[in-house]
Amino acid sequence: MQDTIRVSSALISVFDKDGLEPIVEKLNQLGVTIYSTGGTADYIDSLGIEVIRVESITDYPSILGGRVKTLHPKVFGGILNRRDQCKTEELSTYDIPLLILVIVDSISI
């Protein structure tokens, strides 16, 4: 049995925000750092919950009508980093946040 991973950060980027409020509120209560994109960040902010915009990490705007937001090495590096082999120095060098939990859906096309 694996050890439980403490969720310290979450990336949230959803088109359909139905049911998102209680999830975000619980994450906030647990002290989870929340990263988000565009409209989702606006929604979380409207709830009075602190949110870090992905664009502030990547220094890259949302493109193609909002369809491309998180396709960036700083986001992928934070998600794909192996928890058991955390390359803290490398994450620090490139200012990559560790992203433990990812909540996404696909946009309506």
C-alpha atoms as a PDB file:
ATOM      1  CA  MET A   1       0.000   0.000   0.000  1.00  0.00           C
ATOM      2  CA  GLN A   2       1.358   3.403  -0.965  1.00  0.00           C
ATOM      3  CA  ASP A   3       1.639   6.289   1.429  1.00  0.00           C
ATOM      4  CA  THR A   4      -1.077   8.883   1.229  1.00  0.00           C
ATOM      5  CA  ILE A   5      -0.061  11.989  -0.687  1.00  0.00           C
ATOM      6  CA  ARG A   6      -0.960  15.265   0.995  1.00  0.00           C
ATOM      7  CA  VAL A   7      -2.584  17.562  -1.525  1.00  0.00           C
ATOM      8  CA  SER A   8      -0.802  20.884  -1.138  1.00  0.00           C
ATOM      9  CA  SER A   9      -1.594  22.337  -4.562  1.00  0.00           C
ATOM     10  CA  ALA A  10      -4.200  21.975  -7.282  1.00  0.00           C
ATOM     11  CA  LEU A  11      -4.544  23.021 -10.905  1.00  0.00           C
ATOM     12  CA  ILE A  12      -8.172  23.679 -11.823  1.00  0.00           C
ATOM     13  CA  SER A  13      -9.278  24.482 -15.377  1.00  0.00           C
ATOM     14  CA  VAL A  14     -12.878  23.663 -16.271  1.00  0.00           C
ATOM     15  CA  PHE A  15     -15.401  24.773 -18.870  1.00  0.00           C
ATOM     16  CA  ASP A  16     -18.405  23.554 -16.833  1.00  0.00           C
ATOM     17  CA  LYS A  17     -18.247  25.066 -13.362  1.00  0.00           C
ATOM     18  CA  ASP A  18     -21.377  23.304 -12.019  1.00  0.00           C
ATOM     19  CA  GLY A  19     -20.474  21.680  -8.703  1.00  0.00           C
ATOM     20  CA  LEU A  20     -17.068  23.335  -8.535  1.00  0.00           C
ATOM     21  CA  GLU A  21     -17.824  25.667  -5.613  1.00  0.00           C
ATOM     22  CA  PRO A  22     -17.875  23.049  -2.802  1.00  0.00           C
ATOM     23  CA  ILE A  23     -14.704  21.431  -4.145  1.00  0.00           C
ATOM     24  CA  VAL A  24     -12.836  24.735  -4.267  1.00  0.00           C
ATOM     25  CA  GLU A  25     -14.136  25.740  -0.832  1.00  0.00           C
ATOM     26  CA  LYS A  26     -12.929  22.448   0.678  1.00  0.00           C
ATOM     27  CA  LEU A  27      -9.517  22.751  -0.961  1.00  0.00           C
ATOM     28  CA  ASN A  28      -9.265  26.285   0.401  1.00  0.00           C
ATOM     29  CA  GLN A  29     -10.219  25.102   3.913  1.00  0.00           C
ATOM     30  CA  LEU A  30      -7.466  22.494   3.694  1.00  0.00           C
ATOM     31  CA  GLY A  31      -4.905  25.157   2.798  1.00  0.00           C
ATOM     32  CA  VAL A  32      -4.365  23.928  -0.753  1.00  0.00           C
ATOM     33  CA  THR A  33      -2.707  26.424  -3.114  1.00  0.00           C
ATOM     34  CA  ILE A  34      -4.999  26.776  -6.119  1.00  0.00           C
ATOM     35  CA  TYR A  35      -3.716  27.497  -9.628  1.00  0.00           C
ATOM     36  CA  SER A  36      -6.203  28.176 -12.379  1.00  0.00           C
ATOM     37  CA  THR A  37      -6.826  29.550 -15.852  1.00  0.00           C
ATOM     38  CA  GLY A  38      -8.971  32.320 -17.345  1.00  0.00           C
ATOM     39  CA  GLY A  39     -12.666  31.961 -16.603  1.00  0.00           C
ATOM     40  CA  THR A  40     -12.099  29.349 -13.923  1.00  0.00           C
ATOM     41  CA  ALA A  41      -9.721  31.688 -12.100  1.00  0.00           C
ATOM     42  CA  ASP A  42     -12.305  34.471 -12.396  1.00  0.00           C
ATOM     43  CA  TYR A  43     -14.954  32.147 -10.937  1.00  0.00           C
ATOM     44  CA  ILE A  44     -12.755  31.064  -8.015  1.00  0.00           C
ATOM     45  CA  ASP A  45     -11.804  34.678  -7.362  1.00  0.00           C
ATOM     46  CA  SER A  46     -15.514  35.630  -7.322  1.00  0.00           C
ATOM     47  CA  LEU A  47     -15.966  33.152  -4.456  1.00  0.00           C
ATOM     48  CA  GLY A  48     -13.437  35.167  -2.460  1.00  0.00           C
ATOM     49  CA  ILE A  49     -10.876  32.373  -2.643  1.00  0.00           C
ATOM     50  CA  GLU A  50      -7.244  33.125  -3.433  1.00  0.00           C
ATOM     51  CA  VAL A  51      -6.162  31.783  -6.795  1.00  0.00           C
ATOM     52  CA  ILE A  52      -2.883  31.964  -8.705  1.00  0.00           C
ATOM     53  CA  ARG A  53      -3.390  32.468 -12.419  1.00  0.00           C
ATOM     54  CA  VAL A  54      -1.469  30.037 -14.619  1.00  0.00           C
ATOM     55  CA  GLU A  55      -0.588  32.927 -16.917  1.00  0.00           C
ATOM     56  CA  SER A  56       1.416  34.492 -14.070  1.00  0.00           C
ATOM     57  CA  ILE A  57       3.554  31.344 -13.907  1.00  0.00           C
ATOM     58  CA  THR A  58       4.009  30.740 -17.620  1.00  0.00           C
ATOM     59  CA  ASP A  59       4.258  34.380 -18.706  1.00  0.00           C
ATOM     60  CA  TYR A  60       2.204  33.208 -21.666  1.00  0.00           C
ATOM     61  CA  PRO A  61      -1.398  34.166 -22.470  1.00  0.00           C
ATOM     62  CA  SER A  62      -4.297  31.898 -23.248  1.00  0.00           C
ATOM     63  CA  ILE A  63      -4.425  31.446 -27.034  1.00  0.00           C
ATOM     64  CA  LEU A  64      -6.695  30.085 -29.771  1.00  0.00           C
ATOM     65  CA  GLY A  65      -9.868  31.385 -28.179  1.00  0.00           C
ATOM     66  CA  GLY A  66      -8.997  29.981 -24.775  1.00  0.00           C
ATOM     67  CA  ARG A  67      -8.426  26.438 -26.003  1.00  0.00           C
ATOM     68  CA  VAL A  68      -4.690  26.503 -25.231  1.00  0.00           C
ATOM     69  CA  LYS A  69      -3.822  27.601 -21.703  1.00  0.00           C
ATOM     70  CA  THR A  70      -1.856  24.996 -19.823  1.00  0.00           C
ATOM     71  CA  LEU A  71       0.315  23.488 -22.562  1.00  0.00           C
ATOM     72  CA  HIS A  72       3.571  24.800 -21.142  1.00  0.00           C
ATOM     73  CA  PRO A  73       6.693  23.164 -19.600  1.00  0.00           C
ATOM     74  CA  LYS A  74       6.105  24.907 -16.255  1.00  0.00           C
ATOM     75  CA  VAL A  75       2.650  23.343 -16.013  1.00  0.00           C
ATOM     76  CA  PHE A  76       3.608  19.917 -17.372  1.00  0.00           C
ATOM     77  CA  GLY A  77       6.739  19.869 -15.196  1.00  0.00           C
ATOM     78  CA  GLY A  78       4.635  20.538 -12.105  1.00  0.00           C
ATOM     79  CA  ILE A  79       2.199  17.761 -12.986  1.00  0.00           C
ATOM     80  CA  LEU A  80       4.607  15.122 -14.317  1.00  0.00           C
ATOM     81  CA  ASN A  81       7.292  15.449 -11.659  1.00  0.00           C
ATOM     82  CA  ARG A  82       7.620  12.104  -9.899  1.00  0.00           C
ATOM     83  CA  ARG A  83       6.643  12.602  -6.285  1.00  0.00           C
ATOM     84  CA  ASP A  84       9.052   9.956  -5.015  1.00  0.00           C
ATOM     85  CA  GLN A  85      11.977  11.431  -6.948  1.00  0.00           C
ATOM     86  CA  CYS A  86      11.243  15.124  -6.513  1.00  0.00           C
ATOM     87  CA  LYS A  87      13.889  17.111  -8.356  1.00  0.00           C
ATOM     88  CA  THR A  88      13.518  20.079  -6.039  1.00  0.00           C
ATOM     89  CA  GLU A  89      16.600  21.834  -7.388  1.00  0.00           C
ATOM     90  CA  GLU A  90      15.381  21.571 -10.971  1.00  0.00           C
ATOM     91  CA  LEU A  91      11.879  22.753 -10.049  1.00  0.00           C
ATOM     92  CA  SER A  92      13.412  25.674  -8.197  1.00  0.00           C
ATOM     93  CA  THR A  93      15.798  26.552 -11.036  1.00  0.00           C
ATOM     94  CA  TYR A  94      12.943  26.828 -13.516  1.00  0.00           C
ATOM     95  CA  ASP A  95      10.396  28.194 -11.007  1.00  0.00           C
ATOM     96  CA  ILE A  96       8.021  25.269 -11.551  1.00  0.00           C
ATOM     97  CA  PRO A  97       5.231  24.816  -8.997  1.00  0.00           C
ATOM     98  CA  LEU A  98       4.555  21.268  -7.815  1.00  0.00           C
ATOM     99  CA  LEU A  99       1.004  20.407  -8.924  1.00  0.00           C
ATOM    100  CA  ILE A 100      -0.393  17.500  -6.923  1.00  0.00           C
ATOM    101  CA  LEU A 101      -4.074  17.524  -7.927  1.00  0.00           C
ATOM    102  CA  VAL A 102      -5.446  18.319 -11.388  1.00  0.00           C
ATOM    103  CA  ILE A 103      -9.130  19.042 -12.029  1.00  0.00           C
ATOM    104  CA  VAL A 104     -10.000  19.575 -15.707  1.00  0.00           C
ATOM    105  CA  ASP A 105     -12.725  18.941 -18.231  1.00  0.00           C
ATOM    106  CA  SER A 106     -12.860  19.456 -21.963  1.00  0.00           C
ATOM    107  CA  ILE A 107     -14.362  22.545 -23.520  1.00  0.00           C
ATOM    108  CA  SER A 108     -17.463  22.430 -25.643  1.00  0.00           C
ATOM    109  CA  ILE A 109     -16.450  22.614 -29.291  1.00  0.00           C
END
